[in-house]
Amino acid sequence: MIPKRVFWFVAGAAAGAAGLKRAEAELEARREQLTPANLTKVAAGKLADVAADAPGRVTNKVKDRMAQRSSNGSTARQPWQQRDWTGGGQP
């Protein structure tokens, strides 16, 4: 009876030690990833990607809006109201 308990105690202690060693290695790897320099590099890369996509996204949104307006039965119009800047409507 005692040898079984000793065996399982030693097995549990070994598993705990191995798990602790692995957790320490994971934390060290994460600590290296989360340095201010690395965070700055990642943020700058994501910002550059978003900035590169912005013109195409805006163009697509305007085209979608114009297509939506023309599909509603109205004639193709600009997404803004036209104004008469000649002053012809003034008294």
PDB file of N, CA and C in Angstrom:
ATOM      1  N   MET A   1       0.818  -1.193   0.000  1.00  0.00           N
ATOM      2  CA  MET A   1       0.000   0.000   0.000  1.00  0.00           C
ATOM      3  C   MET A   1       0.869   1.268   0.000  1.00  0.00           C
ATOM      4  N   ILE A   2       1.876   1.278   0.810  1.00  0.00           N
ATOM      5  CA  ILE A   2       2.754   2.437   0.899  1.00  0.00           C
ATOM      6  C   ILE A   2       3.524   2.644  -0.412  1.00  0.00           C
ATOM      7  N   PRO A   3       4.057   1.582  -1.044  1.00  0.00           N
ATOM      8  CA  PRO A   3       4.774   1.817  -2.311  1.00  0.00           C
ATOM      9  C   PRO A   3       3.892   2.453  -3.383  1.00  0.00           C
ATOM     10  N   LYS A   4       2.595   2.109  -3.442  1.00  0.00           N
ATOM     11  CA  LYS A   4       1.690   2.736  -4.416  1.00  0.00           C
ATOM     12  C   LYS A   4       1.582   4.226  -4.140  1.00  0.00           C
ATOM     13  N   ARG A   5       1.424   4.584  -2.895  1.00  0.00           N
ATOM     14  CA  ARG A   5       1.279   6.002  -2.544  1.00  0.00           C
ATOM     15  C   ARG A   5       2.554   6.774  -2.854  1.00  0.00           C
ATOM     16  N   VAL A   6       3.682   6.153  -2.576  1.00  0.00           N
ATOM     17  CA  VAL A   6       4.956   6.808  -2.880  1.00  0.00           C
ATOM     18  C   VAL A   6       5.091   6.981  -4.389  1.00  0.00           C
ATOM     19  N   PHE A   7       4.745   5.930  -5.131  1.00  0.00           N
ATOM     20  CA  PHE A   7       4.816   6.020  -6.593  1.00  0.00           C
ATOM     21  C   PHE A   7       3.972   7.175  -7.111  1.00  0.00           C
ATOM     22  N   TRP A   8       2.707   7.270  -6.697  1.00  0.00           N
ATOM     23  CA  TRP A   8       1.822   8.312  -7.193  1.00  0.00           C
ATOM     24  C   TRP A   8       2.235   9.684  -6.698  1.00  0.00           C
ATOM     25  N   PHE A   9       2.799   9.768  -5.506  1.00  0.00           N
ATOM     26  CA  PHE A   9       3.308  11.047  -5.013  1.00  0.00           C
ATOM     27  C   PHE A   9       4.470  11.514  -5.874  1.00  0.00           C
ATOM     28  N   VAL A  10       5.405  10.613  -6.166  1.00  0.00           N
ATOM     29  CA  VAL A  10       6.562  10.958  -6.994  1.00  0.00           C
ATOM     30  C   VAL A  10       6.111  11.305  -8.418  1.00  0.00           C
ATOM     31  N   ALA A  11       5.160  10.551  -8.953  1.00  0.00           N
ATOM     32  CA  ALA A  11       4.660  10.839 -10.304  1.00  0.00           C
ATOM     33  C   ALA A  11       3.994  12.216 -10.339  1.00  0.00           C
ATOM     34  N   GLY A  12       3.201  12.541  -9.340  1.00  0.00           N
ATOM     35  CA  GLY A  12       2.553  13.851  -9.282  1.00  0.00           C
ATOM     36  C   GLY A  12       3.553  14.974  -9.116  1.00  0.00           C
ATOM     37  N   ALA A  13       4.564  14.767  -8.298  1.00  0.00           N
ATOM     38  CA  ALA A  13       5.589  15.789  -8.110  1.00  0.00           C
ATOM     39  C   ALA A  13       6.371  16.009  -9.403  1.00  0.00           C
ATOM     40  N   ALA A  14       6.679  14.933 -10.123  1.00  0.00           N
ATOM     41  CA  ALA A  14       7.398  15.065 -11.393  1.00  0.00           C
ATOM     42  C   ALA A  14       6.545  15.798 -12.435  1.00  0.00           C
ATOM     43  N   ALA A  15       5.258  15.463 -12.478  1.00  0.00           N
ATOM     44  CA  ALA A  15       4.367  16.159 -13.419  1.00  0.00           C
ATOM     45  C   ALA A  15       4.260  17.637 -13.060  1.00  0.00           C
ATOM     46  N   GLY A  16       4.175  17.932 -11.783  1.00  0.00           N
ATOM     47  CA  GLY A  16       4.112  19.334 -11.352  1.00  0.00           C
ATOM     48  C   GLY A  16       5.377  20.092 -11.707  1.00  0.00           C
ATOM     49  N   ALA A  17       6.528  19.469 -11.513  1.00  0.00           N
ATOM     50  CA  ALA A  17       7.801  20.118 -11.843  1.00  0.00           C
ATOM     51  C   ALA A  17       7.915  20.357 -13.348  1.00  0.00           C
ATOM     52  N   ALA A  18       7.502  19.356 -14.133  1.00  0.00           N
ATOM     53  CA  ALA A  18       7.554  19.518 -15.592  1.00  0.00           C
ATOM     54  C   ALA A  18       6.605  20.623 -16.047  1.00  0.00           C
ATOM     55  N   GLY A  19       5.414  20.676 -15.460  1.00  0.00           N
ATOM     56  CA  GLY A  19       4.463  21.729 -15.808  1.00  0.00           C
ATOM     57  C   GLY A  19       4.974  23.103 -15.433  1.00  0.00           C
ATOM     58  N   LEU A  20       5.629  23.209 -14.277  1.00  0.00           N
ATOM     59  CA  LEU A  20       6.191  24.486 -13.840  1.00  0.00           C
ATOM     60  C   LEU A  20       7.289  24.940 -14.787  1.00  0.00           C
ATOM     61  N   LYS A  21       8.134  24.015 -15.206  1.00  0.00           N
ATOM     62  CA  LYS A  21       9.219  24.350 -16.135  1.00  0.00           C
ATOM     63  C   LYS A  21       8.655  24.850 -17.469  1.00  0.00           C
ATOM     64  N   ARG A  22       7.621  24.168 -17.952  1.00  0.00           N
ATOM     65  CA  ARG A  22       7.015  24.570 -19.223  1.00  0.00           C
ATOM     66  C   ARG A  22       6.335  25.933 -19.105  1.00  0.00           C
ATOM     67  N   ALA A  23       5.654  26.175 -17.991  1.00  0.00           N
ATOM     68  CA  ALA A  23       4.989  27.464 -17.781  1.00  0.00           C
ATOM     69  C   ALA A  23       6.006  28.590 -17.719  1.00  0.00           C
ATOM     70  N   GLU A  24       7.151  28.347 -17.075  1.00  0.00           N
ATOM     71  CA  GLU A  24       8.197  29.370 -17.021  1.00  0.00           C
ATOM     72  C   GLU A  24       8.731  29.679 -18.420  1.00  0.00           C
ATOM     73  N   ALA A  25       8.903  28.645 -19.239  1.00  0.00           N
ATOM     74  CA  ALA A  25       9.382  28.864 -20.604  1.00  0.00           C
ATOM     75  C   ALA A  25       8.365  29.656 -21.424  1.00  0.00           C
ATOM     76  N   GLU A  26       7.077  29.364 -21.263  1.00  0.00           N
ATOM     77  CA  GLU A  26       6.013  30.109 -21.966  1.00  0.00           C
ATOM     78  C   GLU A  26       6.020  31.571 -21.539  1.00  0.00           C
ATOM     79  N   LEU A  27       6.134  31.801 -20.241  1.00  0.00           N
ATOM     80  CA  LEU A  27       6.136  33.178 -19.747  1.00  0.00           C
ATOM     81  C   LEU A  27       7.338  33.958 -20.250  1.00  0.00           C
ATOM     82  N   GLU A  28       8.472  33.314 -20.327  1.00  0.00           N
ATOM     83  CA  GLU A  28       9.663  33.982 -20.845  1.00  0.00           C
ATOM     84  C   GLU A  28       9.471  34.359 -22.321  1.00  0.00           C
ATOM     85  N   ALA A  29       8.893  33.455 -23.090  1.00  0.00           N
ATOM     86  CA  ALA A  29       8.643  33.752 -24.502  1.00  0.00           C
ATOM     87  C   ALA A  29       7.655  34.908 -24.651  1.00  0.00           C
ATOM     88  N   ARG A  30       6.622  34.915 -23.836  1.00  0.00           N
ATOM     89  CA  ARG A  30       5.636  36.010 -23.892  1.00  0.00           C
ATOM     90  C   ARG A  30       6.260  37.326 -23.460  1.00  0.00           C
ATOM     91  N   ARG A  31       7.123  37.264 -22.452  1.00  0.00           N
ATOM     92  CA  ARG A  31       7.767  38.481 -21.963  1.00  0.00           C
ATOM     93  C   ARG A  31       8.610  39.102 -23.066  1.00  0.00           C
ATOM     94  N   GLU A  32       9.280  38.270 -23.860  1.00  0.00           N
ATOM     95  CA  GLU A  32      10.088  38.794 -24.961  1.00  0.00           C
ATOM     96  C   GLU A  32       9.213  39.389 -26.061  1.00  0.00           C
ATOM     97  N   GLN A  33       8.022  38.823 -26.276  1.00  0.00           N
ATOM     98  CA  GLN A  33       7.119  39.342 -27.311  1.00  0.00           C
ATOM     99  C   GLN A  33       6.503  40.664 -26.900  1.00  0.00           C
ATOM    100  N   LEU A  34       6.334  40.889 -25.609  1.00  0.00           N
ATOM    101  CA  LEU A  34       5.607  42.061 -25.145  1.00  0.00           C
ATOM    102  C   LEU A  34       6.515  43.204 -24.702  1.00  0.00           C
ATOM    103  N   THR A  35       7.704  43.290 -25.274  1.00  0.00           N
ATOM    104  CA  THR A  35       8.561  44.429 -24.974  1.00  0.00           C
ATOM    105  C   THR A  35       8.002  45.650 -25.700  1.00  0.00           C
ATOM    106  N   PRO A  36       8.265  46.844 -25.173  1.00  0.00           N
ATOM    107  CA  PRO A  36       7.751  48.048 -25.847  1.00  0.00           C
ATOM    108  C   PRO A  36       8.185  48.164 -27.305  1.00  0.00           C
ATOM    109  N   ALA A  37       9.410  47.766 -27.601  1.00  0.00           N
ATOM    110  CA  ALA A  37       9.885  47.858 -28.990  1.00  0.00           C
ATOM    111  C   ALA A  37       9.086  46.936 -29.901  1.00  0.00           C
ATOM    112  N   ASN A  38       8.827  45.707 -29.458  1.00  0.00           N
ATOM    113  CA  ASN A  38       8.061  44.774 -30.289  1.00  0.00           C
ATOM    114  C   ASN A  38       6.613  45.215 -30.428  1.00  0.00           C
ATOM    115  N   LEU A  39       6.024  45.724 -29.361  1.00  0.00           N
ATOM    116  CA  LEU A  39       4.648  46.217 -29.449  1.00  0.00           C
ATOM    117  C   LEU A  39       4.545  47.376 -30.420  1.00  0.00           C
ATOM    118  N   THR A  40       5.548  48.249 -30.416  1.00  0.00           N
ATOM    119  CA  THR A  40       5.557  49.390 -31.338  1.00  0.00           C
ATOM    120  C   THR A  40       5.658  48.908 -32.786  1.00  0.00           C
ATOM    121  N   LYS A  41       6.500  47.912 -33.028  1.00  0.00           N
ATOM    122  CA  LYS A  41       6.640  47.381 -34.390  1.00  0.00           C
ATOM    123  C   LYS A  41       5.332  46.783 -34.890  1.00  0.00           C
ATOM    124  N   VAL A  42       4.663  46.019 -34.040  1.00  0.00           N
ATOM    125  CA  VAL A  42       3.402  45.385 -34.432  1.00  0.00           C
ATOM    126  C   VAL A  42       2.337  46.442 -34.703  1.00  0.00           C
ATOM    127  N   ALA A  43       2.236  47.431 -33.813  1.00  0.00           N
ATOM    128  CA  ALA A  43       1.234  48.485 -33.992  1.00  0.00           C
ATOM    129  C   ALA A  43       1.505  49.287 -35.259  1.00  0.00           C
ATOM    130  N   ALA A  44       2.769  49.603 -35.527  1.00  0.00           N
ATOM    131  CA  ALA A  44       3.106  50.365 -36.735  1.00  0.00           C
ATOM    132  C   ALA A  44       2.769  49.570 -37.993  1.00  0.00           C
ATOM    133  N   GLY A  45       3.016  48.277 -37.963  1.00  0.00           N
ATOM    134  CA  GLY A  45       2.691  47.442 -39.116  1.00  0.00           C
ATOM    135  C   GLY A  45       1.202  47.388 -39.382  1.00  0.00           C
ATOM    136  N   LYS A  46       0.417  47.246 -38.324  1.00  0.00           N
ATOM    137  CA  LYS A  46      -1.038  47.205 -38.488  1.00  0.00           C
ATOM    138  C   LYS A  46      -1.564  48.549 -38.970  1.00  0.00           C
ATOM    139  N   LEU A  47      -1.027  49.636 -38.435  1.00  0.00           N
ATOM    140  CA  LEU A  47      -1.455  50.966 -38.855  1.00  0.00           C
ATOM    141  C   LEU A  47      -1.122  51.206 -40.325  1.00  0.00           C
ATOM    142  N   ALA A  48       0.038  50.761 -40.751  1.00  0.00           N
ATOM    143  CA  ALA A  48       0.416  50.915 -42.165  1.00  0.00           C
ATOM    144  C   ALA A  48      -0.516  50.109 -43.069  1.00  0.00           C
ATOM    145  N   ASP A  49      -0.891  48.918 -42.635  1.00  0.00           N
ATOM    146  CA  ASP A  49      -1.820  48.101 -43.429  1.00  0.00           C
ATOM    147  C   ASP A  49      -3.178  48.778 -43.564  1.00  0.00           C
ATOM    148  N   VAL A  50      -3.684  49.325 -42.472  1.00  0.00           N
ATOM    149  CA  VAL A  50      -4.982  50.002 -42.500  1.00  0.00           C
ATOM    150  C   VAL A  50      -4.913  51.250 -43.378  1.00  0.00           C
ATOM    151  N   ALA A  51      -3.825  52.010 -43.258  1.00  0.00           N
ATOM    152  CA  ALA A  51      -3.676  53.225 -44.062  1.00  0.00           C
ATOM    153  C   ALA A  51      -3.571  52.891 -45.549  1.00  0.00           C
ATOM    154  N   ALA A  52      -2.940  51.773 -45.879  1.00  0.00           N
ATOM    155  CA  ALA A  52      -2.811  51.392 -47.287  1.00  0.00           C
ATOM    156  C   ALA A  52      -4.161  50.985 -47.873  1.00  0.00           C
ATOM    157  N   ASP A  53      -5.044  50.417 -47.060  1.00  0.00           N
ATOM    158  CA  ASP A  53      -6.355  49.980 -47.530  1.00  0.00           C
ATOM    159  C   ASP A  53      -7.397  51.100 -47.564  1.00  0.00           C
ATOM    160  N   ALA A  54      -7.148  52.198 -46.875  1.00  0.00           N
ATOM    161  CA  ALA A  54      -8.158  53.245 -46.703  1.00  0.00           C
ATOM    162  C   ALA A  54      -8.685  53.820 -48.024  1.00  0.00           C
ATOM    163  N   PRO A  55      -7.857  54.224 -48.971  1.00  0.00           N
ATOM    164  CA  PRO A  55      -8.412  54.799 -50.203  1.00  0.00           C
ATOM    165  C   PRO A  55      -9.335  53.840 -50.953  1.00  0.00           C
ATOM    166  N   GLY A  56      -8.948  52.591 -51.046  1.00  0.00           N
ATOM    167  CA  GLY A  56      -9.791  51.613 -51.736  1.00  0.00           C
ATOM    168  C   GLY A  56     -11.103  51.391 -51.019  1.00  0.00           C
ATOM    169  N   ARG A  57     -11.064  51.381 -49.700  1.00  0.00           N
ATOM    170  CA  ARG A  57     -12.297  51.189 -48.935  1.00  0.00           C
ATOM    171  C   ARG A  57     -13.253  52.355 -49.126  1.00  0.00           C
ATOM    172  N   VAL A  58     -12.725  53.575 -49.103  1.00  0.00           N
ATOM    173  CA  VAL A  58     -13.579  54.753 -49.282  1.00  0.00           C
ATOM    174  C   VAL A  58     -14.190  54.740 -50.677  1.00  0.00           C
ATOM    175  N   THR A  59     -13.381  54.428 -51.682  1.00  0.00           N
ATOM    176  CA  THR A  59     -13.882  54.377 -53.055  1.00  0.00           C
ATOM    177  C   THR A  59     -14.986  53.335 -53.186  1.00  0.00           C
ATOM    178  N   ASN A  60     -14.778  52.169 -52.598  1.00  0.00           N
ATOM    179  CA  ASN A  60     -15.794  51.124 -52.662  1.00  0.00           C
ATOM    180  C   ASN A  60     -17.070  51.530 -51.950  1.00  0.00           C
ATOM    181  N   LYS A  61     -16.954  52.216 -50.815  1.00  0.00           N
ATOM    182  CA  LYS A  61     -18.147  52.662 -50.091  1.00  0.00           C
ATOM    183  C   LYS A  61     -18.944  53.663 -50.916  1.00  0.00           C
ATOM    184  N   VAL A  62     -18.256  54.591 -51.590  1.00  0.00           N
ATOM    185  CA  VAL A  62     -18.945  55.581 -52.418  1.00  0.00           C
ATOM    186  C   VAL A  62     -19.630  54.886 -53.591  1.00  0.00           C
ATOM    187  N   LYS A  63     -18.948  53.943 -54.221  1.00  0.00           N
ATOM    188  CA  LYS A  63     -19.555  53.224 -55.348  1.00  0.00           C
ATOM    189  C   LYS A  63     -20.765  52.413 -54.890  1.00  0.00           C
ATOM    190  N   ASP A  64     -20.658  51.770 -53.734  1.00  0.00           N
ATOM    191  CA  ASP A  64     -21.789  51.013 -53.191  1.00  0.00           C
ATOM    192  C   ASP A  64     -22.969  51.923 -52.909  1.00  0.00           C
ATOM    193  N   ARG A  65     -22.688  53.085 -52.355  1.00  0.00           N
ATOM    194  CA  ARG A  65     -23.764  54.029 -52.029  1.00  0.00           C
ATOM    195  C   ARG A  65     -24.440  54.538 -53.299  1.00  0.00           C
ATOM    196  N   MET A  66     -23.650  54.821 -54.316  1.00  0.00           N
ATOM    197  CA  MET A  66     -24.232  55.303 -55.573  1.00  0.00           C
ATOM    198  C   MET A  66     -25.057  54.194 -56.230  1.00  0.00           C
ATOM    199  N   ALA A  67     -24.568  52.948 -56.174  1.00  0.00           N
ATOM    200  CA  ALA A  67     -25.323  51.834 -56.736  1.00  0.00           C
ATOM    201  C   ALA A  67     -26.616  51.614 -55.962  1.00  0.00           C
ATOM    202  N   GLN A  68     -26.565  51.785 -54.666  1.00  0.00           N
ATOM    203  CA  GLN A  68     -27.758  51.619 -53.839  1.00  0.00           C
ATOM    204  C   GLN A  68     -28.800  52.680 -54.180  1.00  0.00           C
ATOM    205  N   ARG A  69     -28.338  53.912 -54.369  1.00  0.00           N
ATOM    206  CA  ARG A  69     -29.273  54.985 -54.705  1.00  0.00           C
ATOM    207  C   ARG A  69     -29.873  54.770 -56.088  1.00  0.00           C
ATOM    208  N   SER A  70     -29.078  54.279 -57.025  1.00  0.00           N
ATOM    209  CA  SER A  70     -29.609  54.087 -58.370  1.00  0.00           C
ATOM    210  C   SER A  70     -30.546  52.876 -58.421  1.00  0.00           C
ATOM    211  N   SER A  71     -30.350  51.909 -57.526  1.00  0.00           N
ATOM    212  CA  SER A  71     -31.227  50.744 -57.527  1.00  0.00           C
ATOM    213  C   SER A  71     -32.561  51.030 -56.848  1.00  0.00           C
ATOM    214  N   ASN A  72     -32.673  52.142 -56.158  1.00  0.00           N
ATOM    215  CA  ASN A  72     -33.925  52.507 -55.496  1.00  0.00           C
ATOM    216  C   ASN A  72     -34.924  53.152 -56.463  1.00  0.00           C
ATOM    217  N   GLY A  73     -34.606  53.165 -57.740  1.00  0.00           N
ATOM    218  CA  GLY A  73     -35.535  53.710 -58.727  1.00  0.00           C
ATOM    219  C   GLY A  73     -35.230  55.145 -59.106  1.00  0.00           C
ATOM    220  N   SER A  74     -34.378  55.817 -58.368  1.00  0.00           N
ATOM    221  CA  SER A  74     -34.035  57.193 -58.722  1.00  0.00           C
ATOM    222  C   SER A  74     -32.912  57.168 -59.748  1.00  0.00           C
ATOM    223  N   THR A  75     -32.734  58.260 -60.414  1.00  0.00           N
ATOM    224  CA  THR A  75     -31.654  58.335 -61.393  1.00  0.00           C
ATOM    225  C   THR A  75     -30.325  58.372 -60.647  1.00  0.00           C
ATOM    226  N   ALA A  76     -29.279  58.033 -61.347  1.00  0.00           N
ATOM    227  CA  ALA A  76     -27.960  58.024 -60.712  1.00  0.00           C
ATOM    228  C   ALA A  76     -27.609  59.436 -60.284  1.00  0.00           C
ATOM    229  N   ARG A  77     -27.414  59.601 -59.012  1.00  0.00           N
ATOM    230  CA  ARG A  77     -27.090  60.914 -58.467  1.00  0.00           C
ATOM    231  C   ARG A  77     -25.769  60.840 -57.725  1.00  0.00           C
ATOM    232  N   GLN A  78     -25.232  61.993 -57.461  1.00  0.00           N
ATOM    233  CA  GLN A  78     -24.047  62.066 -56.625  1.00  0.00           C
ATOM    234  C   GLN A  78     -24.478  61.807 -55.178  1.00  0.00           C
ATOM    235  N   PRO A  79     -23.577  61.334 -54.328  1.00  0.00           N
ATOM    236  CA  PRO A  79     -23.959  61.075 -52.942  1.00  0.00           C
ATOM    237  C   PRO A  79     -24.116  62.360 -52.117  1.00  0.00           C
ATOM    238  N   TRP A  80     -24.095  63.502 -52.763  1.00  0.00           N
ATOM    239  CA  TRP A  80     -24.310  64.765 -52.078  1.00  0.00           C
ATOM    240  C   TRP A  80     -25.296  65.588 -52.895  1.00  0.00           C
ATOM    241  N   GLN A  81     -25.849  66.602 -52.294  1.00  0.00           N
ATOM    242  CA  GLN A  81     -26.812  67.443 -53.012  1.00  0.00           C
ATOM    243  C   GLN A  81     -26.063  68.472 -53.854  1.00  0.00           C
ATOM    244  N   GLN A  82     -26.545  68.652 -55.083  1.00  0.00           N
ATOM    245  CA  GLN A  82     -25.951  69.664 -55.937  1.00  0.00           C
ATOM    246  C   GLN A  82     -26.439  71.041 -55.496  1.00  0.00           C
ATOM    247  N   ARG A  83     -25.554  72.010 -55.524  1.00  0.00           N
ATOM    248  CA  ARG A  83     -25.943  73.364 -55.129  1.00  0.00           C
ATOM    249  C   ARG A  83     -25.702  74.318 -56.298  1.00  0.00           C
ATOM    250  N   ASP A  84     -26.547  75.333 -56.323  1.00  0.00           N
ATOM    251  CA  ASP A  84     -26.396  76.367 -57.349  1.00  0.00           C
ATOM    252  C   ASP A  84     -25.597  77.505 -56.726  1.00  0.00           C
ATOM    253  N   TRP A  85     -24.356  77.624 -57.137  1.00  0.00           N
ATOM    254  CA  TRP A  85     -23.464  78.641 -56.565  1.00  0.00           C
ATOM    255  C   TRP A  85     -23.436  79.915 -57.424  1.00  0.00           C
ATOM    256  N   THR A  86     -24.241  79.988 -58.458  1.00  0.00           N
ATOM    257  CA  THR A  86     -24.214  81.159 -59.333  1.00  0.00           C
ATOM    258  C   THR A  86     -24.939  82.340 -58.736  1.00  0.00           C
ATOM    259  N   GLY A  87     -25.761  82.111 -57.725  1.00  0.00           N
ATOM    260  CA  GLY A  87     -26.512  83.204 -57.128  1.00  0.00           C
ATOM    261  C   GLY A  87     -27.782  83.531 -57.877  1.00  0.00           C
ATOM    262  N   GLY A  88     -28.157  82.701 -58.841  1.00  0.00           N
ATOM    263  CA  GLY A  88     -29.330  82.935 -59.634  1.00  0.00           C
ATOM    264  C   GLY A  88     -30.620  82.843 -58.834  1.00  0.00           C
ATOM    265  N   GLY A  89     -30.638  82.139 -57.725  1.00  0.00           N
ATOM    266  CA  GLY A  89     -31.838  81.984 -56.924  1.00  0.00           C
ATOM    267  C   GLY A  89     -32.033  83.098 -55.894  1.00  0.00           C
ATOM    268  N   GLN A  90     -31.075  84.012 -55.785  1.00  0.00           N
ATOM    269  CA  GLN A  90     -31.173  85.079 -54.796  1.00  0.00           C
ATOM    270  C   GLN A  90     -32.012  86.242 -55.350  1.00  0.00           C
ATOM    271  N   PRO A  91     -32.781  86.937 -54.487  1.00  0.00           N
ATOM    272  CA  PRO A  91     -33.610  88.068 -54.984  1.00  0.00           C
ATOM    273  C   PRO A  91     -32.804  89.285 -55.315  1.00  0.00           C
TER     274      PRO A  91
END
